[in-house]
Amino acid sequence: MKRKIWKVYGLYDPRDGELRYVGETDNTTRRFKTHLAGILLWNRSPCMDWLMDLTIIGKKPQLHVLQEVNSRKESKTCETYWIEFFTKEGCRLTNV
């Protein structure tokens, strides 16, 4: 049986390369699509506002995997770590 690999990822602004969101998933393709679909649902949040701004100018964020881990529990811990790390570095994350 194949083990599920969980990924902590960042969404980057294609205009300037700035990291704007950190998340975790076991399927980056599906998760990326759900981020973009959230725009259509008018799901208001800082992340959705940022994604809407990109959509208006015909751009999409860039997704990059920051870390791979072996469990959901570990991915949640790592996601929290990266959010705190990048916030301290001065990134304007849109995570709520």
PDB file of N, CA and C in Angstrom:
ATOM      1  N   MET A   1       0.828  -1.179   0.000  1.00  0.00           N
ATOM      2  CA  MET A   1       0.000   0.000   0.000  1.00  0.00           C
ATOM      3  C   MET A   1       0.881   1.254   0.000  1.00  0.00           C
ATOM      4  N   LYS A   2       0.555   2.180  -0.867  1.00  0.00           N
ATOM      5  CA  LYS A   2       1.328   3.408  -0.986  1.00  0.00           C
ATOM      6  C   LYS A   2       0.960   4.367   0.143  1.00  0.00           C
ATOM      7  N   ARG A   3       1.975   4.921   0.794  1.00  0.00           N
ATOM      8  CA  ARG A   3       1.742   5.882   1.872  1.00  0.00           C
ATOM      9  C   ARG A   3       1.371   7.231   1.294  1.00  0.00           C
ATOM     10  N   LYS A   4       0.466   7.884   1.963  1.00  0.00           N
ATOM     11  CA  LYS A   4       0.052   9.218   1.557  1.00  0.00           C
ATOM     12  C   LYS A   4       1.109  10.221   2.015  1.00  0.00           C
ATOM     13  N   ILE A   5       1.516  11.072   1.104  1.00  0.00           N
ATOM     14  CA  ILE A   5       2.468  12.131   1.431  1.00  0.00           C
ATOM     15  C   ILE A   5       1.692  13.438   1.548  1.00  0.00           C
ATOM     16  N   TRP A   6       1.875  14.126   2.659  1.00  0.00           N
ATOM     17  CA  TRP A   6       1.251  15.432   2.887  1.00  0.00           C
ATOM     18  C   TRP A   6       2.253  16.519   2.552  1.00  0.00           C
ATOM     19  N   LYS A   7       1.755  17.600   2.025  1.00  0.00           N
ATOM     20  CA  LYS A   7       2.622  18.695   1.600  1.00  0.00           C
ATOM     21  C   LYS A   7       2.196  19.997   2.262  1.00  0.00           C
ATOM     22  N   VAL A   8       3.185  20.744   2.719  1.00  0.00           N
ATOM     23  CA  VAL A   8       2.969  22.115   3.148  1.00  0.00           C
ATOM     24  C   VAL A   8       3.420  22.962   1.967  1.00  0.00           C
ATOM     25  N   TYR A   9       2.548  23.869   1.546  1.00  0.00           N
ATOM     26  CA  TYR A   9       2.820  24.624   0.316  1.00  0.00           C
ATOM     27  C   TYR A   9       2.639  26.107   0.546  1.00  0.00           C
ATOM     28  N   GLY A  10       3.208  26.869  -0.355  1.00  0.00           N
ATOM     29  CA  GLY A  10       3.026  28.310  -0.340  1.00  0.00           C
ATOM     30  C   GLY A  10       2.417  28.761  -1.653  1.00  0.00           C
ATOM     31  N   LEU A  11       1.557  29.777  -1.572  1.00  0.00           N
ATOM     32  CA  LEU A  11       1.048  30.440  -2.768  1.00  0.00           C
ATOM     33  C   LEU A  11       1.766  31.778  -2.883  1.00  0.00           C
ATOM     34  N   TYR A  12       2.344  31.988  -4.053  1.00  0.00           N
ATOM     35  CA  TYR A  12       3.155  33.178  -4.299  1.00  0.00           C
ATOM     36  C   TYR A  12       2.490  34.078  -5.325  1.00  0.00           C
ATOM     37  N   ASP A  13       2.651  35.373  -5.127  1.00  0.00           N
ATOM     38  CA  ASP A  13       2.103  36.357  -6.052  1.00  0.00           C
ATOM     39  C   ASP A  13       2.976  36.382  -7.305  1.00  0.00           C
ATOM     40  N   PRO A  14       2.390  36.156  -8.487  1.00  0.00           N
ATOM     41  CA  PRO A  14       3.190  36.117  -9.706  1.00  0.00           C
ATOM     42  C   PRO A  14       3.728  37.492 -10.119  1.00  0.00           C
ATOM     43  N   ARG A  15       3.177  38.555  -9.557  1.00  0.00           N
ATOM     44  CA  ARG A  15       3.629  39.903  -9.915  1.00  0.00           C
ATOM     45  C   ARG A  15       4.981  40.242  -9.297  1.00  0.00           C
ATOM     46  N   ASP A  16       5.209  39.765  -8.069  1.00  0.00           N
ATOM     47  CA  ASP A  16       6.438  40.143  -7.379  1.00  0.00           C
ATOM     48  C   ASP A  16       7.125  38.981  -6.660  1.00  0.00           C
ATOM     49  N   GLY A  17       6.537  37.775  -6.737  1.00  0.00           N
ATOM     50  CA  GLY A  17       7.136  36.603  -6.107  1.00  0.00           C
ATOM     51  C   GLY A  17       6.941  36.528  -4.608  1.00  0.00           C
ATOM     52  N   GLU A  18       6.110  37.426  -4.051  1.00  0.00           N
ATOM     53  CA  GLU A  18       5.898  37.451  -2.609  1.00  0.00           C
ATOM     54  C   GLU A  18       5.022  36.277  -2.168  1.00  0.00           C
ATOM     55  N   LEU A  19       5.439  35.617  -1.088  1.00  0.00           N
ATOM     56  CA  LEU A  19       4.639  34.561  -0.483  1.00  0.00           C
ATOM     57  C   LEU A  19       3.445  35.205   0.194  1.00  0.00           C
ATOM     58  N   ARG A  20       2.228  34.717  -0.112  1.00  0.00           N
ATOM     59  CA  ARG A  20       1.016  35.320   0.450  1.00  0.00           C
ATOM     60  C   ARG A  20       0.162  34.342   1.239  1.00  0.00           C
ATOM     61  N   TYR A  21       0.412  33.029   1.104  1.00  0.00           N
ATOM     62  CA  TYR A  21      -0.422  32.050   1.806  1.00  0.00           C
ATOM     63  C   TYR A  21       0.375  30.769   2.021  1.00  0.00           C
ATOM     64  N   VAL A  22       0.173  30.147   3.186  1.00  0.00           N
ATOM     65  CA  VAL A  22       0.771  28.846   3.494  1.00  0.00           C
ATOM     66  C   VAL A  22      -0.368  27.898   3.858  1.00  0.00           C
ATOM     67  N   GLY A  23      -0.346  26.700   3.278  1.00  0.00           N
ATOM     68  CA  GLY A  23      -1.379  25.712   3.556  1.00  0.00           C
ATOM     69  C   GLY A  23      -0.803  24.315   3.564  1.00  0.00           C
ATOM     70  N   GLU A  24      -1.686  23.334   3.784  1.00  0.00           N
ATOM     71  CA  GLU A  24      -1.254  21.935   3.772  1.00  0.00           C
ATOM     72  C   GLU A  24      -2.321  21.097   3.083  1.00  0.00           C
ATOM     73  N   THR A  25      -1.870  20.036   2.411  1.00  0.00           N
ATOM     74  CA  THR A  25      -2.778  19.171   1.664  1.00  0.00           C
ATOM     75  C   THR A  25      -2.088  17.859   1.330  1.00  0.00           C
ATOM     76  N   ASP A  26      -2.892  16.883   0.952  1.00  0.00           N
ATOM     77  CA  ASP A  26      -2.319  15.640   0.423  1.00  0.00           C
ATOM     78  C   ASP A  26      -2.414  15.619  -1.100  1.00  0.00           C
ATOM     79  N   ASN A  27      -3.033  16.658  -1.678  1.00  0.00           N
ATOM     80  CA  ASN A  27      -3.196  16.715  -3.132  1.00  0.00           C
ATOM     81  C   ASN A  27      -3.124  18.180  -3.572  1.00  0.00           C
ATOM     82  N   THR A  28      -1.943  18.606  -4.005  1.00  0.00           N
ATOM     83  CA  THR A  28      -1.756  20.020  -4.346  1.00  0.00           C
ATOM     84  C   THR A  28      -2.589  20.448  -5.553  1.00  0.00           C
ATOM     85  N   THR A  29      -2.799  19.562  -6.506  1.00  0.00           N
ATOM     86  CA  THR A  29      -3.600  19.917  -7.684  1.00  0.00           C
ATOM     87  C   THR A  29      -5.038  20.213  -7.285  1.00  0.00           C
ATOM     88  N   ARG A  30      -5.616  19.322  -6.510  1.00  0.00           N
ATOM     89  CA  ARG A  30      -7.000  19.513  -6.060  1.00  0.00           C
ATOM     90  C   ARG A  30      -7.118  20.753  -5.174  1.00  0.00           C
ATOM     91  N   ARG A  31      -6.174  20.938  -4.271  1.00  0.00           N
ATOM     92  CA  ARG A  31      -6.235  22.074  -3.341  1.00  0.00           C
ATOM     93  C   ARG A  31      -6.092  23.395  -4.095  1.00  0.00           C
ATOM     94  N   PHE A  32      -5.216  23.448  -5.075  1.00  0.00           N
ATOM     95  CA  PHE A  32      -5.038  24.665  -5.873  1.00  0.00           C
ATOM     96  C   PHE A  32      -6.354  25.022  -6.564  1.00  0.00           C
ATOM     97  N   LYS A  33      -7.015  24.016  -7.121  1.00  0.00           N
ATOM     98  CA  LYS A  33      -8.310  24.253  -7.780  1.00  0.00           C
ATOM     99  C   LYS A  33      -9.352  24.769  -6.801  1.00  0.00           C
ATOM    100  N   THR A  34      -9.355  24.271  -5.568  1.00  0.00           N
ATOM    101  CA  THR A  34     -10.337  24.746  -4.597  1.00  0.00           C
ATOM    102  C   THR A  34     -10.060  26.187  -4.180  1.00  0.00           C
ATOM    103  N   HIS A  35      -8.797  26.570  -4.143  1.00  0.00           N
ATOM    104  CA  HIS A  35      -8.486  27.982  -3.878  1.00  0.00           C
ATOM    105  C   HIS A  35      -9.108  28.857  -4.961  1.00  0.00           C
ATOM    106  N   LEU A  36      -8.897  28.478  -6.210  1.00  0.00           N
ATOM    107  CA  LEU A  36      -9.415  29.278  -7.316  1.00  0.00           C
ATOM    108  C   LEU A  36     -10.939  29.227  -7.388  1.00  0.00           C
ATOM    109  N   ALA A  37     -11.536  28.088  -7.048  1.00  0.00           N
ATOM    110  CA  ALA A  37     -12.998  27.970  -7.064  1.00  0.00           C
ATOM    111  C   ALA A  37     -13.629  28.820  -5.972  1.00  0.00           C
ATOM    112  N   GLY A  38     -12.918  29.048  -4.890  1.00  0.00           N
ATOM    113  CA  GLY A  38     -13.435  29.874  -3.806  1.00  0.00           C
ATOM    114  C   GLY A  38     -13.752  31.281  -4.250  1.00  0.00           C
ATOM    115  N   ILE A  39     -13.058  31.752  -5.269  1.00  0.00           N
ATOM    116  CA  ILE A  39     -13.314  33.086  -5.812  1.00  0.00           C
ATOM    117  C   ILE A  39     -14.732  33.153  -6.361  1.00  0.00           C
ATOM    118  N   LEU A  40     -15.152  32.102  -7.023  1.00  0.00           N
ATOM    119  CA  LEU A  40     -16.475  32.073  -7.629  1.00  0.00           C
ATOM    120  C   LEU A  40     -17.588  32.022  -6.586  1.00  0.00           C
ATOM    121  N   LEU A  41     -17.275  31.544  -5.400  1.00  0.00           N
ATOM    122  CA  LEU A  41     -18.273  31.426  -4.340  1.00  0.00           C
ATOM    123  C   LEU A  41     -18.363  32.700  -3.495  1.00  0.00           C
ATOM    124  N   TRP A  42     -17.553  33.677  -3.836  1.00  0.00           N
ATOM    125  CA  TRP A  42     -17.500  34.938  -3.073  1.00  0.00           C
ATOM    126  C   TRP A  42     -17.224  34.665  -1.605  1.00  0.00           C
ATOM    127  N   ASN A  43     -16.322  33.733  -1.379  1.00  0.00           N
ATOM    128  CA  ASN A  43     -15.890  33.383  -0.038  1.00  0.00           C
ATOM    129  C   ASN A  43     -14.938  34.481   0.437  1.00  0.00           C
ATOM    130  N   ARG A  44     -15.444  35.437   1.181  1.00  0.00           N
ATOM    131  CA  ARG A  44     -14.651  36.605   1.572  1.00  0.00           C
ATOM    132  C   ARG A  44     -13.653  36.266   2.669  1.00  0.00           C
ATOM    133  N   SER A  45     -12.396  36.468   2.375  1.00  0.00           N
ATOM    134  CA  SER A  45     -11.300  36.332   3.319  1.00  0.00           C
ATOM    135  C   SER A  45     -10.135  37.098   2.716  1.00  0.00           C
ATOM    136  N   PRO A  46      -9.124  37.405   3.506  1.00  0.00           N
ATOM    137  CA  PRO A  46      -7.960  38.088   2.915  1.00  0.00           C
ATOM    138  C   PRO A  46      -7.352  37.314   1.747  1.00  0.00           C
ATOM    139  N   CYS A  47      -7.303  35.989   1.856  1.00  0.00           N
ATOM    140  CA  CYS A  47      -6.749  35.177   0.763  1.00  0.00           C
ATOM    141  C   CYS A  47      -7.623  35.283  -0.484  1.00  0.00           C
ATOM    142  N   MET A  48      -8.930  35.169  -0.310  1.00  0.00           N
ATOM    143  CA  MET A  48      -9.833  35.250  -1.469  1.00  0.00           C
ATOM    144  C   MET A  48      -9.805  36.634  -2.098  1.00  0.00           C
ATOM    145  N   ASP A  49      -9.670  37.679  -1.284  1.00  0.00           N
ATOM    146  CA  ASP A  49      -9.553  39.036  -1.831  1.00  0.00           C
ATOM    147  C   ASP A  49      -8.295  39.152  -2.690  1.00  0.00           C
ATOM    148  N   TRP A  50      -7.186  38.590  -2.200  1.00  0.00           N
ATOM    149  CA  TRP A  50      -5.938  38.618  -2.960  1.00  0.00           C
ATOM    150  C   TRP A  50      -6.081  37.819  -4.256  1.00  0.00           C
ATOM    151  N   LEU A  51      -6.680  36.628  -4.170  1.00  0.00           N
ATOM    152  CA  LEU A  51      -6.872  35.813  -5.371  1.00  0.00           C
ATOM    153  C   LEU A  51      -7.796  36.504  -6.374  1.00  0.00           C
ATOM    154  N   MET A  52      -8.806  37.206  -5.881  1.00  0.00           N
ATOM    155  CA  MET A  52      -9.700  37.954  -6.772  1.00  0.00           C
ATOM    156  C   MET A  52      -8.929  39.065  -7.483  1.00  0.00           C
ATOM    157  N   ASP A  53      -8.065  39.759  -6.755  1.00  0.00           N
ATOM    158  CA  ASP A  53      -7.242  40.800  -7.378  1.00  0.00           C
ATOM    159  C   ASP A  53      -6.410  40.212  -8.519  1.00  0.00           C
ATOM    160  N   LEU A  54      -5.842  39.039  -8.305  1.00  0.00           N
ATOM    161  CA  LEU A  54      -5.052  38.390  -9.361  1.00  0.00           C
ATOM    162  C   LEU A  54      -5.936  38.005 -10.545  1.00  0.00           C
ATOM    163  N   THR A  55      -7.098  37.446 -10.253  1.00  0.00           N
ATOM    164  CA  THR A  55      -8.019  37.003 -11.306  1.00  0.00           C
ATOM    165  C   THR A  55      -8.441  38.172 -12.194  1.00  0.00           C
ATOM    166  N   ILE A  56      -8.701  39.302 -11.587  1.00  0.00           N
ATOM    167  CA  ILE A  56      -9.131  40.485 -12.340  1.00  0.00           C
ATOM    168  C   ILE A  56      -8.095  40.883 -13.391  1.00  0.00           C
ATOM    169  N   ILE A  57      -6.818  40.685 -13.080  1.00  0.00           N
ATOM    170  CA  ILE A  57      -5.771  41.045 -14.048  1.00  0.00           C
ATOM    171  C   ILE A  57      -5.279  39.833 -14.850  1.00  0.00           C
ATOM    172  N   GLY A  58      -6.019  38.716 -14.754  1.00  0.00           N
ATOM    173  CA  GLY A  58      -5.706  37.542 -15.560  1.00  0.00           C
ATOM    174  C   GLY A  58      -4.515  36.733 -15.085  1.00  0.00           C
ATOM    175  N   LYS A  59      -4.230  36.767 -13.794  1.00  0.00           N
ATOM    176  CA  LYS A  59      -3.094  36.025 -13.245  1.00  0.00           C
ATOM    177  C   LYS A  59      -3.563  35.004 -12.218  1.00  0.00           C
ATOM    178  N   LYS A  60      -2.708  34.027 -11.968  1.00  0.00           N
ATOM    179  CA  LYS A  60      -2.953  33.007 -10.946  1.00  0.00           C
ATOM    180  C   LYS A  60      -1.731  32.943 -10.040  1.00  0.00           C
ATOM    181  N   PRO A  61      -1.936  32.558  -8.780  1.00  0.00           N
ATOM    182  CA  PRO A  61      -0.783  32.411  -7.895  1.00  0.00           C
ATOM    183  C   PRO A  61       0.083  31.237  -8.337  1.00  0.00           C
ATOM    184  N   GLN A  62       1.294  31.237  -7.872  1.00  0.00           N
ATOM    185  CA  GLN A  62       2.201  30.118  -8.119  1.00  0.00           C
ATOM    186  C   GLN A  62       2.276  29.288  -6.845  1.00  0.00           C
ATOM    187  N   LEU A  63       2.125  27.987  -6.979  1.00  0.00           N
ATOM    188  CA  LEU A  63       2.175  27.090  -5.833  1.00  0.00           C
ATOM    189  C   LEU A  63       3.528  26.403  -5.805  1.00  0.00           C
ATOM    190  N   HIS A  64       4.170  26.452  -4.639  1.00  0.00           N
ATOM    191  CA  HIS A  64       5.449  25.762  -4.442  1.00  0.00           C
ATOM    192  C   HIS A  64       5.366  24.960  -3.152  1.00  0.00           C
ATOM    193  N   VAL A  65       5.783  23.710  -3.213  1.00  0.00           N
ATOM    194  CA  VAL A  65       5.806  22.857  -2.026  1.00  0.00           C
ATOM    195  C   VAL A  65       6.990  23.279  -1.158  1.00  0.00           C
ATOM    196  N   LEU A  66       6.702  23.535   0.116  1.00  0.00           N
ATOM    197  CA  LEU A  66       7.733  23.935   1.072  1.00  0.00           C
ATOM    198  C   LEU A  66       8.316  22.742   1.813  1.00  0.00           C
ATOM    199  N   GLN A  67       7.461  21.723   2.057  1.00  0.00           N
ATOM    200  CA  GLN A  67       7.894  20.567   2.843  1.00  0.00           C
ATOM    201  C   GLN A  67       6.951  19.406   2.595  1.00  0.00           C
ATOM    202  N   GLU A  68       7.485  18.204   2.622  1.00  0.00           N
ATOM    203  CA  GLU A  68       6.681  16.989   2.526  1.00  0.00           C
ATOM    204  C   GLU A  68       6.839  16.202   3.819  1.00  0.00           C
ATOM    205  N   VAL A  69       5.705  15.665   4.305  1.00  0.00           N
ATOM    206  CA  VAL A  69       5.706  14.894   5.549  1.00  0.00           C
ATOM    207  C   VAL A  69       4.823  13.660   5.374  1.00  0.00           C
ATOM    208  N   ASN A  70       4.811  12.790   6.372  1.00  0.00           N
ATOM    209  CA  ASN A  70       4.137  11.503   6.242  1.00  0.00           C
ATOM    210  C   ASN A  70       2.759  11.403   6.889  1.00  0.00           C
ATOM    211  N   SER A  71       2.299  12.448   7.566  1.00  0.00           N
ATOM    212  CA  SER A  71       0.993  12.349   8.213  1.00  0.00           C
ATOM    213  C   SER A  71       0.298  13.702   8.249  1.00  0.00           C
ATOM    214  N   ARG A  72      -1.009  13.669   8.382  1.00  0.00           N
ATOM    215  CA  ARG A  72      -1.802  14.894   8.473  1.00  0.00           C
ATOM    216  C   ARG A  72      -1.427  15.671   9.724  1.00  0.00           C
ATOM    217  N   LYS A  73      -1.245  14.952  10.825  1.00  0.00           N
ATOM    218  CA  LYS A  73      -0.878  15.605  12.083  1.00  0.00           C
ATOM    219  C   LYS A  73       0.435  16.372  11.921  1.00  0.00           C
ATOM    220  N   GLU A  74       1.408  15.734  11.309  1.00  0.00           N
ATOM    221  CA  GLU A  74       2.700  16.378  11.093  1.00  0.00           C
ATOM    222  C   GLU A  74       2.565  17.573  10.137  1.00  0.00           C
ATOM    223  N   SER A  75       1.694  17.444   9.138  1.00  0.00           N
ATOM    224  CA  SER A  75       1.525  18.553   8.188  1.00  0.00           C
ATOM    225  C   SER A  75       0.920  19.766   8.873  1.00  0.00           C
ATOM    226  N   LYS A  76      -0.007  19.560   9.796  1.00  0.00           N
ATOM    227  CA  LYS A  76      -0.604  20.675  10.547  1.00  0.00           C
ATOM    228  C   LYS A  76       0.445  21.377  11.402  1.00  0.00           C
ATOM    229  N   THR A  77       1.298  20.591  12.055  1.00  0.00           N
ATOM    230  CA  THR A  77       2.367  21.157  12.880  1.00  0.00           C
ATOM    231  C   THR A  77       3.336  21.964  12.017  1.00  0.00           C
ATOM    232  N   CYS A  78       3.705  21.405  10.870  1.00  0.00           N
ATOM    233  CA  CYS A  78       4.640  22.085   9.971  1.00  0.00           C
ATOM    234  C   CYS A  78       4.019  23.329   9.356  1.00  0.00           C
ATOM    235  N   GLU A  79       2.724  23.261   9.021  1.00  0.00           N
ATOM    236  CA  GLU A  79       2.033  24.429   8.476  1.00  0.00           C
ATOM    237  C   GLU A  79       2.096  25.584   9.480  1.00  0.00           C
ATOM    238  N   THR A  80       1.808  25.287  10.748  1.00  0.00           N
ATOM    239  CA  THR A  80       1.863  26.309  11.792  1.00  0.00           C
ATOM    240  C   THR A  80       3.269  26.886  11.906  1.00  0.00           C
ATOM    241  N   TYR A  81       4.268  26.000  11.874  1.00  0.00           N
ATOM    242  CA  TYR A  81       5.657  26.452  11.947  1.00  0.00           C
ATOM    243  C   TYR A  81       5.969  27.428  10.815  1.00  0.00           C
ATOM    244  N   TRP A  82       5.622  27.065   9.562  1.00  0.00           N
ATOM    245  CA  TRP A  82       5.958  27.906   8.417  1.00  0.00           C
ATOM    246  C   TRP A  82       5.196  29.232   8.436  1.00  0.00           C
ATOM    247  N   ILE A  83       3.955  29.209   8.882  1.00  0.00           N
ATOM    248  CA  ILE A  83       3.194  30.461   8.986  1.00  0.00           C
ATOM    249  C   ILE A  83       3.886  31.396   9.971  1.00  0.00           C
ATOM    250  N   GLU A  84       4.268  30.860  11.127  1.00  0.00           N
ATOM    251  CA  GLU A  84       4.961  31.680  12.124  1.00  0.00           C
ATOM    252  C   GLU A  84       6.315  32.160  11.607  1.00  0.00           C
ATOM    253  N   PHE A  85       7.052  31.274  10.954  1.00  0.00           N
ATOM    254  CA  PHE A  85       8.368  31.623  10.424  1.00  0.00           C
ATOM    255  C   PHE A  85       8.269  32.760   9.406  1.00  0.00           C
ATOM    256  N   PHE A  86       7.394  32.600   8.414  1.00  0.00           N
ATOM    257  CA  PHE A  86       7.307  33.613   7.365  1.00  0.00           C
ATOM    258  C   PHE A  86       6.686  34.914   7.862  1.00  0.00           C
ATOM    259  N   THR A  87       5.811  34.835   8.845  1.00  0.00           N
ATOM    260  CA  THR A  87       5.264  36.061   9.434  1.00  0.00           C
ATOM    261  C   THR A  87       6.374  36.844  10.120  1.00  0.00           C
ATOM    262  N   LYS A  88       7.224  36.143  10.866  1.00  0.00           N
ATOM    263  CA  LYS A  88       8.367  36.801  11.523  1.00  0.00           C
ATOM    264  C   LYS A  88       9.344  37.386  10.511  1.00  0.00           C
ATOM    265  N   GLU A  89       9.412  36.778   9.335  1.00  0.00           N
ATOM    266  CA  GLU A  89      10.289  37.270   8.263  1.00  0.00           C
ATOM    267  C   GLU A  89       9.706  38.490   7.556  1.00  0.00           C
ATOM    268  N   GLY A  90       8.460  38.834   7.884  1.00  0.00           N
ATOM    269  CA  GLY A  90       7.838  40.018   7.317  1.00  0.00           C
ATOM    270  C   GLY A  90       6.914  39.761   6.143  1.00  0.00           C
ATOM    271  N   CYS A  91       6.630  38.500   5.845  1.00  0.00           N
ATOM    272  CA  CYS A  91       5.701  38.191   4.744  1.00  0.00           C
ATOM    273  C   CYS A  91       4.294  38.635   5.130  1.00  0.00           C
ATOM    274  N   ARG A  92       3.591  39.195   4.164  1.00  0.00           N
ATOM    275  CA  ARG A  92       2.225  39.657   4.381  1.00  0.00           C
ATOM    276  C   ARG A  92       1.256  38.512   4.043  1.00  0.00           C
ATOM    277  N   LEU A  93       1.250  37.479   4.881  1.00  0.00           N
ATOM    278  CA  LEU A  93       0.421  36.318   4.622  1.00  0.00           C
ATOM    279  C   LEU A  93      -1.056  36.669   4.750  1.00  0.00           C
ATOM    280  N   THR A  94      -1.853  36.006   3.930  1.00  0.00           N
ATOM    281  CA  THR A  94      -3.301  36.218   3.954  1.00  0.00           C
ATOM    282  C   THR A  94      -4.013  35.127   4.745  1.00  0.00           C
ATOM    283  N   ASN A  95      -3.258  34.272   5.429  1.00  0.00           N
ATOM    284  CA  ASN A  95      -3.869  33.241   6.265  1.00  0.00           C
ATOM    285  C   ASN A  95      -4.694  33.912   7.355  1.00  0.00           C
ATOM    286  N   VAL A  96      -5.847  33.336   7.661  1.00  0.00           N
ATOM    287  CA  VAL A  96      -6.699  33.878   8.717  1.00  0.00           C
ATOM    288  C   VAL A  96      -6.331  33.208  10.025  1.00  0.00           C
TER     289      VAL A  96
END
